Protein backbone atom coordinates (compact mmCIF):
# COMPACT_ATOMS: atom_id res chain seq x y z
CA MET A 1 -12.33 -15.71 4.33
CA ILE A 2 -10.49 -13.29 6.22
CA ALA A 3 -9.98 -15.39 9.01
CA LYS A 4 -8.54 -18.14 6.80
CA LEU A 5 -6.36 -15.49 5.28
CA ALA A 6 -5.05 -14.42 8.83
CA ASN A 7 -4.23 -18.05 9.78
CA LYS A 8 -2.15 -18.44 6.37
CA ILE A 9 -0.02 -15.14 7.13
CA SER A 10 0.09 -14.68 10.81
CA SER A 11 3.42 -16.29 11.29
CA LYS A 12 4.93 -14.48 8.02
CA SER A 13 7.11 -11.32 8.03
CA VAL A 14 5.36 -8.17 6.71
CA LYS A 15 7.05 -8.40 3.69
CA GLU A 16 5.99 -12.16 3.01
CA GLN A 17 2.53 -11.22 3.84
CA LEU A 18 2.42 -8.69 1.00
CA GLU A 19 4.02 -10.93 -1.26
CA PHE A 20 1.55 -13.63 -0.49
CA LEU A 21 -1.35 -11.31 -0.91
CA ALA A 22 -0.31 -9.79 -4.04
CA LYS A 23 0.12 -13.34 -5.51
CA GLU A 24 -3.41 -14.41 -4.04
CA PHE A 25 -5.35 -11.43 -5.53
CA LYS A 26 -3.03 -10.83 -8.45
CA GLY A 27 -3.90 -7.43 -10.06
CA GLN A 28 -6.61 -6.90 -7.56
CA ILE A 29 -4.97 -5.66 -4.54
CA ALA A 30 -4.09 -2.15 -3.94
CA PHE A 31 -2.57 -0.07 -0.68
CA SER A 32 -4.02 3.36 0.34
CA THR A 33 -1.56 5.54 1.77
CA SER A 34 -2.27 8.74 3.88
CA PHE A 35 1.74 9.36 4.12
CA GLY A 36 1.80 8.53 7.69
CA GLN A 37 4.65 6.94 9.36
CA GLU A 38 3.28 3.24 9.26
CA ASP A 39 1.94 3.95 5.79
CA GLN A 40 5.51 4.79 4.50
CA VAL A 41 6.96 1.52 6.30
CA ILE A 42 4.66 -0.48 4.14
CA THR A 43 5.34 1.68 1.10
CA ASP A 44 8.86 1.29 1.52
CA ILE A 45 8.64 -2.63 1.82
CA ILE A 46 6.42 -2.58 -1.22
CA PHE A 47 8.94 -0.56 -3.56
CA LYS A 48 12.13 -2.17 -2.34
CA ASN A 49 11.06 -5.51 -2.90
CA ASN A 50 9.14 -4.74 -6.22
CA ILE A 51 5.76 -6.28 -4.95
CA PRO A 52 3.00 -5.87 -7.34
CA ILE A 53 0.95 -3.87 -5.19
CA GLU A 54 -0.71 -0.63 -6.51
CA ILE A 55 0.07 2.29 -4.02
CA PHE A 56 -2.54 5.27 -3.97
CA THR A 57 -3.91 8.00 -1.96
CA LEU A 58 -7.38 9.50 -1.22
CA ASP A 59 -8.37 12.67 -2.01
CA THR A 60 -9.12 14.27 1.64
CA ASP A 61 -8.65 17.59 2.98
CA GLU A 62 -6.27 16.18 5.43
CA CYS A 63 -3.93 14.80 2.87
CA LEU A 64 -4.17 17.99 0.67
CA LYS A 65 -0.93 19.53 2.16
CA LYS A 66 0.86 16.31 1.97
CA HIS A 67 0.17 16.10 -1.47
CA ILE A 68 1.54 19.49 -2.13
CA LYS A 69 4.43 19.03 0.02
CA PHE A 70 5.41 15.75 -2.28
CA GLY A 71 4.38 17.42 -5.26
CA MET A 72 1.36 15.48 -6.01
CA THR A 73 -1.96 16.92 -7.12
CA PRO A 74 -5.03 15.19 -5.61
CA THR A 75 -6.41 14.29 -8.96
CA LYS A 76 -3.23 12.45 -9.86
CA ASN A 77 -2.65 10.24 -7.03
CA ILE A 78 -1.51 6.90 -8.01
CA ILE A 79 2.09 6.45 -6.69
CA LYS A 80 2.69 3.13 -8.13
CA LYS A 81 0.99 0.56 -10.48
């Protein structure tokens, strides 16, 4: 299944890939961010294009300082539904 999906999306832009996956797995897809640079690029694409992908963080000690910096608490970690 993963190989088939990879073949379907490999020639698409990141935006198109995210849109395809959101449509293909409607209501079942989510993106976990650790607030790293790469994650922020994907988060930006999702928000700017209103792609229906939920974004969340994992409750890890490594992310705790980043949560606090962005005004989030580790127990309230859904960013976008």
